[in-house]
Amino acid sequence: MLLTAILIGTLLAGIGSVWLAAVLSFGVLARYTQHMLSLAAGALLATAFMHLLPEAFESQAGAQDLFMTLLGGLVFFFLLDKAELWHHGHEHHHGHDHAHGHSHGHGHSPAPVAGTWAVLTGDSVHCFGDGVLIASAFVADLRLGVIAALAVLAHEVPHHMGDLMVLRQSSSNRQAALLKVSLAGAVTMLGGLLGYWLVDQLHDYLPYFLVVASSSFAYVALADLIPQLQKQLSARQTVGQIIWLFTGMGLVTLVSGLAHGH
């Protein structure tokens, strides 16, 4: 009974949040692509700095160890980016030339955007940690587990909207982007299963999971999304960017605060 409840809770939180984010990103808000980039940047930054890092530093883990993990994570995702861009070097430069109007007359697909693998890796780590947290809550109390699963579902929606926007920048295929983020979300169930069996042993490592995930989200927002917003725009467009950036931050901060309160 308890294991079934954990599986249902992690499935709802992990994959349900992805599909709800997809409905919003590809349906209601699909026409506002540039605004969604601002929203994504705000959501990822707020997830890292207002939710994951505070949660990690509230633990018994040493601050120096956590900061070293954060630095190591940032360097790792930078190197991951370098490897990804090097692997797709020809396509990347070809797409770059097209962006400057030097058309070669070939219909190549867009080059992968920096941060694609970083956000998927960080998302998987984050979802694994969410699964362990949900399992821990269910082990403590069934009602608490339900609240935890709903809280994770709520705070993951704006974050997954950011993930989907990052992946859509590297591919026009919505289904592929949805599948990749859904697979990352499914890791929540893996975290729930392992959390059920090893909740005491894994509990000590949760702060480090949170820091690694936060480093990926901060890196993607600062290295990929923010630079795309740093272009000369009209005053009205700039104000719109700022509003959507703070909207993304506000959404994550609000739902994370509610989840933390519960």
C-alpha atoms as a PDB file:
ATOM      1  CA  MET A   1       0.000   0.000   0.000  1.00  0.00           C
ATOM      2  CA  LEU A   2       2.736   2.457   0.988  1.00  0.00           C
ATOM      3  CA  LEU A   3       4.913   1.611  -2.019  1.00  0.00           C
ATOM      4  CA  THR A   4       1.903   1.990  -4.349  1.00  0.00           C
ATOM      5  CA  ALA A   5       1.139   5.397  -2.858  1.00  0.00           C
ATOM      6  CA  ILE A   6       4.770   6.467  -3.381  1.00  0.00           C
ATOM      7  CA  LEU A   7       4.727   5.319  -7.023  1.00  0.00           C
ATOM      8  CA  ILE A   8       1.459   7.169  -7.723  1.00  0.00           C
ATOM      9  CA  GLY A   9       2.671  10.296  -5.934  1.00  0.00           C
ATOM     10  CA  THR A  10       6.008  10.397  -7.768  1.00  0.00           C
ATOM     11  CA  LEU A  11       4.334   9.676 -11.122  1.00  0.00           C
ATOM     12  CA  LEU A  12       1.895  12.533 -10.582  1.00  0.00           C
ATOM     13  CA  ALA A  13       4.608  14.936  -9.463  1.00  0.00           C
ATOM     14  CA  GLY A  14       7.286  13.906 -11.958  1.00  0.00           C
ATOM     15  CA  ILE A  15       5.468  13.373 -15.247  1.00  0.00           C
ATOM     16  CA  GLY A  16       2.182  15.141 -14.489  1.00  0.00           C
ATOM     17  CA  SER A  17       4.024  18.406 -13.915  1.00  0.00           C
ATOM     18  CA  VAL A  18       5.809  18.041 -17.278  1.00  0.00           C
ATOM     19  CA  TRP A  19       2.583  17.517 -19.199  1.00  0.00           C
ATOM     20  CA  LEU A  20       0.863  20.402 -17.428  1.00  0.00           C
ATOM     21  CA  ALA A  21       3.847  22.608 -18.272  1.00  0.00           C
ATOM     22  CA  ALA A  22       3.617  21.442 -21.899  1.00  0.00           C
ATOM     23  CA  VAL A  23      -0.069  22.351 -22.107  1.00  0.00           C
ATOM     24  CA  LEU A  24       0.767  25.869 -20.934  1.00  0.00           C
ATOM     25  CA  SER A  25       3.961  26.290 -22.989  1.00  0.00           C
ATOM     26  CA  PHE A  26       2.754  24.779 -26.269  1.00  0.00           C
ATOM     27  CA  GLY A  27      -0.889  25.741 -25.983  1.00  0.00           C
ATOM     28  CA  VAL A  28      -1.993  28.850 -24.133  1.00  0.00           C
ATOM     29  CA  LEU A  29       1.397  30.597 -24.166  1.00  0.00           C
ATOM     30  CA  ALA A  30       2.922  29.171 -27.369  1.00  0.00           C
ATOM     31  CA  ARG A  31       2.658  32.441 -29.308  1.00  0.00           C
ATOM     32  CA  TYR A  32       4.746  34.313 -26.742  1.00  0.00           C
ATOM     33  CA  THR A  33       8.103  32.622 -27.435  1.00  0.00           C
ATOM     34  CA  GLN A  34      10.333  35.535 -26.444  1.00  0.00           C
ATOM     35  CA  HIS A  35       8.291  36.154 -23.313  1.00  0.00           C
ATOM     36  CA  MET A  36       8.615  32.465 -22.450  1.00  0.00           C
ATOM     37  CA  LEU A  37      12.409  32.736 -22.682  1.00  0.00           C
ATOM     38  CA  SER A  38      12.292  35.473 -20.052  1.00  0.00           C
ATOM     39  CA  LEU A  39       9.882  33.414 -17.956  1.00  0.00           C
ATOM     40  CA  ALA A  40      12.155  30.380 -18.284  1.00  0.00           C
ATOM     41  CA  ALA A  41      15.239  32.331 -17.190  1.00  0.00           C
ATOM     42  CA  GLY A  42      13.408  33.704 -14.167  1.00  0.00           C
ATOM     43  CA  ALA A  43      11.978  30.315 -13.235  1.00  0.00           C
ATOM     44  CA  LEU A  44      15.340  28.537 -13.461  1.00  0.00           C
ATOM     45  CA  LEU A  45      17.166  31.217 -11.459  1.00  0.00           C
ATOM     46  CA  ALA A  46      14.481  31.275  -8.779  1.00  0.00           C
ATOM     47  CA  THR A  47      14.419  27.465  -8.613  1.00  0.00           C
ATOM     48  CA  ALA A  48      18.169  27.479  -8.008  1.00  0.00           C
ATOM     49  CA  PHE A  49      18.535  30.424  -5.636  1.00  0.00           C
ATOM     50  CA  MET A  50      15.165  30.606  -3.860  1.00  0.00           C
ATOM     51  CA  HIS A  51      14.349  26.906  -3.520  1.00  0.00           C
ATOM     52  CA  LEU A  52      17.180  24.410  -4.033  1.00  0.00           C
ATOM     53  CA  LEU A  53      20.121  26.240  -2.445  1.00  0.00           C
ATOM     54  CA  PRO A  54      18.218  27.407   0.680  1.00  0.00           C
ATOM     55  CA  GLU A  55      16.921  23.848   1.105  1.00  0.00           C
ATOM     56  CA  ALA A  56      20.461  22.476   0.849  1.00  0.00           C
ATOM     57  CA  PHE A  57      21.953  25.005   3.279  1.00  0.00           C
ATOM     58  CA  GLU A  58      19.253  24.287   5.854  1.00  0.00           C
ATOM     59  CA  SER A  59      20.737  20.797   6.195  1.00  0.00           C
ATOM     60  CA  GLN A  60      23.610  19.681   8.392  1.00  0.00           C
ATOM     61  CA  ALA A  61      26.019  19.631   5.444  1.00  0.00           C
ATOM     62  CA  GLY A  62      28.998  21.981   5.695  1.00  0.00           C
ATOM     63  CA  ALA A  63      28.755  25.262   3.797  1.00  0.00           C
ATOM     64  CA  GLN A  64      32.245  24.873   2.316  1.00  0.00           C
ATOM     65  CA  ASP A  65      31.430  21.404   0.978  1.00  0.00           C
ATOM     66  CA  LEU A  66      28.206  22.682  -0.564  1.00  0.00           C
ATOM     67  CA  PHE A  67      29.937  25.664  -2.190  1.00  0.00           C
ATOM     68  CA  MET A  68      32.630  23.346  -3.577  1.00  0.00           C
ATOM     69  CA  THR A  69      29.864  21.146  -4.996  1.00  0.00           C
ATOM     70  CA  LEU A  70      28.216  24.218  -6.531  1.00  0.00           C
ATOM     71  CA  LEU A  71      31.494  25.346  -8.120  1.00  0.00           C
ATOM     72  CA  GLY A  72      32.224  21.821  -9.359  1.00  0.00           C
ATOM     73  CA  GLY A  73      28.742  21.624 -10.850  1.00  0.00           C
ATOM     74  CA  LEU A  74      29.139  24.910 -12.727  1.00  0.00           C
ATOM     75  CA  VAL A  75      32.512  23.816 -14.130  1.00  0.00           C
ATOM     76  CA  PHE A  76      31.102  20.386 -15.057  1.00  0.00           C
ATOM     77  CA  PHE A  77      28.188  21.861 -17.001  1.00  0.00           C
ATOM     78  CA  PHE A  78      30.532  24.330 -18.713  1.00  0.00           C
ATOM     79  CA  LEU A  79      32.698  21.410 -19.873  1.00  0.00           C
ATOM     80  CA  LEU A  80      29.573  19.471 -20.875  1.00  0.00           C
ATOM     81  CA  ASP A  81      28.550  22.452 -22.992  1.00  0.00           C
ATOM     82  CA  LYS A  82      31.990  22.587 -24.603  1.00  0.00           C
ATOM     83  CA  ALA A  83      31.817  18.895 -25.478  1.00  0.00           C
ATOM     84  CA  GLU A  84      28.317  19.296 -26.923  1.00  0.00           C
ATOM     85  CA  LEU A  85      29.243  22.337 -29.030  1.00  0.00           C
ATOM     86  CA  TRP A  86      32.481  20.726 -30.195  1.00  0.00           C
ATOM     87  CA  HIS A  87      30.594  17.589 -31.253  1.00  0.00           C
ATOM     88  CA  HIS A  88      28.143  19.671 -33.273  1.00  0.00           C
ATOM     89  CA  GLY A  89      30.769  22.182 -34.400  1.00  0.00           C
ATOM     90  CA  HIS A  90      29.963  22.194 -38.114  1.00  0.00           C
ATOM     91  CA  GLU A  91      26.204  22.503 -37.632  1.00  0.00           C
ATOM     92  CA  HIS A  92      26.674  25.141 -34.950  1.00  0.00           C
ATOM     93  CA  HIS A  93      28.799  27.404 -37.146  1.00  0.00           C
ATOM     94  CA  HIS A  94      26.525  26.874 -40.120  1.00  0.00           C
ATOM     95  CA  GLY A  95      23.523  27.936 -38.024  1.00  0.00           C
ATOM     96  CA  HIS A  96      25.537  30.900 -36.745  1.00  0.00           C
ATOM     97  CA  ASP A  97      26.218  32.011 -40.317  1.00  0.00           C
ATOM     98  CA  HIS A  98      22.534  31.782 -41.178  1.00  0.00           C
ATOM     99  CA  ALA A  99      21.699  33.931 -38.158  1.00  0.00           C
ATOM    100  CA  HIS A 100      23.874  36.684 -39.691  1.00  0.00           C
ATOM    101  CA  GLY A 101      22.183  36.429 -43.050  1.00  0.00           C
ATOM    102  CA  HIS A 102      24.868  34.431 -44.905  1.00  0.00           C
ATOM    103  CA  SER A 103      22.508  31.863 -46.366  1.00  0.00           C
ATOM    104  CA  HIS A 104      24.156  28.929 -48.132  1.00  0.00           C
ATOM    105  CA  GLY A 105      20.911  27.639 -49.582  1.00  0.00           C
ATOM    106  CA  HIS A 106      20.803  24.484 -47.466  1.00  0.00           C
ATOM    107  CA  GLY A 107      17.931  23.461 -45.170  1.00  0.00           C
ATOM    108  CA  HIS A 108      19.842  22.403 -42.097  1.00  0.00           C
ATOM    109  CA  SER A 109      18.099  21.985 -38.757  1.00  0.00           C
ATOM    110  CA  PRO A 110      19.046  24.478 -36.025  1.00  0.00           C
ATOM    111  CA  ALA A 111      22.190  23.797 -34.060  1.00  0.00           C
ATOM    112  CA  PRO A 112      21.843  22.537 -30.527  1.00  0.00           C
ATOM    113  CA  VAL A 113      21.642  25.345 -28.022  1.00  0.00           C
ATOM    114  CA  ALA A 114      24.146  25.477 -25.211  1.00  0.00           C
ATOM    115  CA  GLY A 115      22.709  24.007 -22.064  1.00  0.00           C
ATOM    116  CA  THR A 116      20.457  21.298 -23.514  1.00  0.00           C
ATOM    117  CA  TRP A 117      22.261  18.411 -21.836  1.00  0.00           C
ATOM    118  CA  ALA A 118      22.998  20.518 -18.784  1.00  0.00           C
ATOM    119  CA  VAL A 119      19.326  21.198 -18.169  1.00  0.00           C
ATOM    120  CA  LEU A 120      18.365  17.543 -18.748  1.00  0.00           C
ATOM    121  CA  THR A 121      21.099  16.320 -16.395  1.00  0.00           C
ATOM    122  CA  GLY A 122      20.202  18.846 -13.749  1.00  0.00           C
ATOM    123  CA  ASP A 123      16.515  18.099 -14.197  1.00  0.00           C
ATOM    124  CA  SER A 124      17.117  14.378 -13.670  1.00  0.00           C
ATOM    125  CA  VAL A 125      19.146  15.003 -10.513  1.00  0.00           C
ATOM    126  CA  HIS A 126      16.515  17.410  -9.229  1.00  0.00           C
ATOM    127  CA  CYS A 127      13.691  14.966  -9.968  1.00  0.00           C
ATOM    128  CA  PHE A 128      15.585  12.147  -8.257  1.00  0.00           C
ATOM    129  CA  GLY A 129      15.883  14.323  -5.157  1.00  0.00           C
ATOM    130  CA  ASP A 130      12.165  15.161  -5.364  1.00  0.00           C
ATOM    131  CA  GLY A 131      11.372  11.445  -5.472  1.00  0.00           C
ATOM    132  CA  VAL A 132      13.424  10.785  -2.345  1.00  0.00           C
ATOM    133  CA  LEU A 133      11.711  13.692  -0.575  1.00  0.00           C
ATOM    134  CA  ILE A 134       8.239  12.431  -1.532  1.00  0.00           C
ATOM    135  CA  ALA A 135       9.097   8.906  -0.396  1.00  0.00           C
ATOM    136  CA  SER A 136      10.421  10.261   2.900  1.00  0.00           C
ATOM    137  CA  ALA A 137       7.184  12.176   3.435  1.00  0.00           C
ATOM    138  CA  PHE A 138       5.034   9.097   2.685  1.00  0.00           C
ATOM    139  CA  VAL A 139       7.132   6.977   5.058  1.00  0.00           C
ATOM    140  CA  ALA A 140       6.555   9.544   7.792  1.00  0.00           C
ATOM    141  CA  ASP A 141       2.819   9.972   7.169  1.00  0.00           C
ATOM    142  CA  LEU A 142       0.477   9.143   4.263  1.00  0.00           C
ATOM    143  CA  ARG A 143      -1.227  12.539   4.338  1.00  0.00           C
ATOM    144  CA  LEU A 144       2.115  14.334   4.462  1.00  0.00           C
ATOM    145  CA  GLY A 145       3.197  12.336   1.420  1.00  0.00           C
ATOM    146  CA  VAL A 146       0.144  13.479  -0.555  1.00  0.00           C
ATOM    147  CA  ILE A 147       0.852  17.111   0.363  1.00  0.00           C
ATOM    148  CA  ALA A 148       4.509  16.707  -0.617  1.00  0.00           C
ATOM    149  CA  ALA A 149       3.593  15.200  -4.003  1.00  0.00           C
ATOM    150  CA  LEU A 150       1.151  18.032  -4.756  1.00  0.00           C
ATOM    151  CA  ALA A 151       3.686  20.613  -3.615  1.00  0.00           C
ATOM    152  CA  VAL A 152       6.358  19.147  -5.916  1.00  0.00           C
ATOM    153  CA  LEU A 153       3.829  19.080  -8.778  1.00  0.00           C
ATOM    154  CA  ALA A 154       3.058  22.764  -8.224  1.00  0.00           C
ATOM    155  CA  HIS A 155       6.609  24.043  -8.003  1.00  0.00           C
ATOM    156  CA  GLU A 156       7.818  21.900 -10.918  1.00  0.00           C
ATOM    157  CA  VAL A 157       5.344  23.330 -13.466  1.00  0.00           C
ATOM    158  CA  PRO A 158       7.018  26.742 -13.996  1.00  0.00           C
ATOM    159  CA  HIS A 159      10.423  25.067 -13.841  1.00  0.00           C
ATOM    160  CA  HIS A 160       9.496  22.489 -16.521  1.00  0.00           C
ATOM    161  CA  MET A 161       8.125  25.307 -18.671  1.00  0.00           C
ATOM    162  CA  GLY A 162      11.668  26.667 -18.579  1.00  0.00           C
ATOM    163  CA  ASP A 163      13.117  23.277 -19.489  1.00  0.00           C
ATOM    164  CA  LEU A 164      10.792  22.903 -22.466  1.00  0.00           C
ATOM    165  CA  MET A 165      11.709  26.358 -23.737  1.00  0.00           C
ATOM    166  CA  VAL A 166      15.429  25.530 -23.555  1.00  0.00           C
ATOM    167  CA  LEU A 167      14.924  22.317 -25.544  1.00  0.00           C
ATOM    168  CA  ARG A 168      12.663  24.024 -28.086  1.00  0.00           C
ATOM    169  CA  GLN A 169      15.500  26.446 -28.847  1.00  0.00           C
ATOM    170  CA  SER A 170      17.586  23.530 -30.142  1.00  0.00           C
ATOM    171  CA  SER A 171      14.808  21.730 -32.002  1.00  0.00           C
ATOM    172  CA  SER A 172      11.461  22.621 -33.531  1.00  0.00           C
ATOM    173  CA  ASN A 173      10.123  19.181 -32.562  1.00  0.00           C
ATOM    174  CA  ARG A 174       7.736  19.619 -29.645  1.00  0.00           C
ATOM    175  CA  GLN A 175       7.267  15.883 -29.200  1.00  0.00           C
ATOM    176  CA  ALA A 176      11.017  15.303 -28.832  1.00  0.00           C
ATOM    177  CA  ALA A 177      11.311  18.087 -26.261  1.00  0.00           C
ATOM    178  CA  LEU A 178       8.321  16.739 -24.323  1.00  0.00           C
ATOM    179  CA  LEU A 179       9.695  13.184 -24.419  1.00  0.00           C
ATOM    180  CA  LYS A 180      13.121  14.232 -23.107  1.00  0.00           C
ATOM    181  CA  VAL A 181      11.727  16.283 -20.233  1.00  0.00           C
ATOM    182  CA  SER A 182       9.179  13.529 -19.452  1.00  0.00           C
ATOM    183  CA  LEU A 183      12.008  10.983 -19.179  1.00  0.00           C
ATOM    184  CA  ALA A 184      13.816  13.321 -16.800  1.00  0.00           C
ATOM    185  CA  GLY A 185      10.568  13.711 -14.838  1.00  0.00           C
ATOM    186  CA  ALA A 186      10.208   9.919 -14.675  1.00  0.00           C
ATOM    187  CA  VAL A 187      13.418   9.822 -12.625  1.00  0.00           C
ATOM    188  CA  THR A 188      11.187  11.074  -9.780  1.00  0.00           C
ATOM    189  CA  MET A 189       9.751   7.545  -9.579  1.00  0.00           C
ATOM    190  CA  LEU A 190      13.263   6.082  -9.417  1.00  0.00           C
ATOM    191  CA  GLY A 191      14.056   8.437  -6.552  1.00  0.00           C
ATOM    192  CA  GLY A 192      10.829   7.401  -4.848  1.00  0.00           C
ATOM    193  CA  LEU A 193      11.640   3.691  -5.177  1.00  0.00           C
ATOM    194  CA  LEU A 194      15.173   4.065  -3.857  1.00  0.00           C
ATOM    195  CA  GLY A 195      13.938   6.470  -1.218  1.00  0.00           C
ATOM    196  CA  TYR A 196      11.474   3.861  -0.002  1.00  0.00           C
ATOM    197  CA  TRP A 197      14.243   1.300   0.497  1.00  0.00           C
ATOM    198  CA  LEU A 198      17.142   3.565   1.422  1.00  0.00           C
ATOM    199  CA  VAL A 199      15.522   6.660   2.896  1.00  0.00           C
ATOM    200  CA  ASP A 200      17.890   6.853   5.859  1.00  0.00           C
ATOM    201  CA  GLN A 201      21.071   6.335   3.808  1.00  0.00           C
ATOM    202  CA  LEU A 202      20.110   8.722   0.976  1.00  0.00           C
ATOM    203  CA  HIS A 203      18.906  11.461   3.279  1.00  0.00           C
ATOM    204  CA  ASP A 204      22.457  12.633   3.995  1.00  0.00           C
ATOM    205  CA  TYR A 205      23.180  13.080   0.284  1.00  0.00           C
ATOM    206  CA  LEU A 206      20.068  15.126  -0.546  1.00  0.00           C
ATOM    207  CA  PRO A 207      21.773  18.519   0.022  1.00  0.00           C
ATOM    208  CA  TYR A 208      24.399  17.620  -2.588  1.00  0.00           C
ATOM    209  CA  PHE A 209      21.719  16.499  -5.070  1.00  0.00           C
ATOM    210  CA  LEU A 210      20.018  19.855  -4.577  1.00  0.00           C
ATOM    211  CA  VAL A 211      23.233  21.837  -5.107  1.00  0.00           C
ATOM    212  CA  VAL A 212      24.177  19.946  -8.293  1.00  0.00           C
ATOM    213  CA  ALA A 213      20.699  20.540  -9.686  1.00  0.00           C
ATOM    214  CA  SER A 214      20.849  24.233  -8.764  1.00  0.00           C
ATOM    215  CA  SER A 215      24.229  24.623 -10.503  1.00  0.00           C
ATOM    216  CA  SER A 216      22.747  23.269 -13.749  1.00  0.00           C
ATOM    217  CA  PHE A 217      19.747  25.599 -13.660  1.00  0.00           C
ATOM    218  CA  ALA A 218      21.848  28.657 -12.808  1.00  0.00           C
ATOM    219  CA  TYR A 219      24.320  27.798 -15.570  1.00  0.00           C
ATOM    220  CA  VAL A 220      21.625  27.355 -18.231  1.00  0.00           C
ATOM    221  CA  ALA A 221      19.865  30.592 -17.256  1.00  0.00           C
ATOM    222  CA  LEU A 222      23.054  32.688 -17.170  1.00  0.00           C
ATOM    223  CA  ALA A 223      25.017  31.082 -20.018  1.00  0.00           C
ATOM    224  CA  ASP A 224      22.192  30.411 -22.477  1.00  0.00           C
ATOM    225  CA  LEU A 225      18.893  32.172 -21.813  1.00  0.00           C
ATOM    226  CA  ILE A 226      20.016  35.547 -20.442  1.00  0.00           C
ATOM    227  CA  PRO A 227      22.452  36.172 -23.351  1.00  0.00           C
ATOM    228  CA  GLN A 228      19.564  35.611 -25.790  1.00  0.00           C
ATOM    229  CA  LEU A 229      17.674  38.390 -24.024  1.00  0.00           C
ATOM    230  CA  GLN A 230      20.642  40.800 -24.162  1.00  0.00           C
ATOM    231  CA  LYS A 231      19.725  42.395 -27.467  1.00  0.00           C
ATOM    232  CA  GLN A 232      18.744  45.934 -28.342  1.00  0.00           C
ATOM    233  CA  LEU A 233      14.982  46.241 -28.110  1.00  0.00           C
ATOM    234  CA  SER A 234      12.424  48.987 -27.840  1.00  0.00           C
ATOM    235  CA  ALA A 235      11.586  50.308 -24.388  1.00  0.00           C
ATOM    236  CA  ARG A 236       8.236  48.486 -24.486  1.00  0.00           C
ATOM    237  CA  GLN A 237       9.834  45.143 -25.392  1.00  0.00           C
ATOM    238  CA  THR A 238      12.485  45.568 -22.702  1.00  0.00           C
ATOM    239  CA  VAL A 239       9.842  46.247 -20.071  1.00  0.00           C
ATOM    240  CA  GLY A 240       7.992  43.131 -21.266  1.00  0.00           C
ATOM    241  CA  GLN A 241      11.151  41.030 -20.867  1.00  0.00           C
ATOM    242  CA  ILE A 242      11.692  42.315 -17.336  1.00  0.00           C
ATOM    243  CA  ILE A 243       8.081  41.694 -16.359  1.00  0.00           C
ATOM    244  CA  TRP A 244       8.165  38.107 -17.636  1.00  0.00           C
ATOM    245  CA  LEU A 245      11.558  37.510 -16.001  1.00  0.00           C
ATOM    246  CA  PHE A 246      10.178  38.572 -12.624  1.00  0.00           C
ATOM    247  CA  THR A 247       6.963  36.634 -13.293  1.00  0.00           C
ATOM    248  CA  GLY A 248       9.010  33.446 -13.639  1.00  0.00           C
ATOM    249  CA  MET A 249      10.855  34.239 -10.422  1.00  0.00           C
ATOM    250  CA  GLY A 250       7.637  35.107  -8.643  1.00  0.00           C
ATOM    251  CA  LEU A 251       5.822  31.921  -9.664  1.00  0.00           C
ATOM    252  CA  VAL A 252       8.597  29.635  -8.420  1.00  0.00           C
ATOM    253  CA  THR A 253       9.144  31.657  -5.243  1.00  0.00           C
ATOM    254  CA  LEU A 254       5.423  31.616  -4.458  1.00  0.00           C
ATOM    255  CA  VAL A 255       4.810  27.905  -4.945  1.00  0.00           C
ATOM    256  CA  SER A 256       8.129  26.956  -3.297  1.00  0.00           C
ATOM    257  CA  GLY A 257       7.191  29.060  -0.290  1.00  0.00           C
ATOM    258  CA  LEU A 258       3.820  27.337  -0.073  1.00  0.00           C
ATOM    259  CA  ALA A 259       5.443  23.918  -0.408  1.00  0.00           C
ATOM    260  CA  HIS A 260       8.019  24.758   2.237  1.00  0.00           C
ATOM    261  CA  GLY A 261       5.270  25.951   4.565  1.00  0.00           C
ATOM    262  CA  HIS A 262       3.478  22.625   4.233  1.00  0.00           C
END
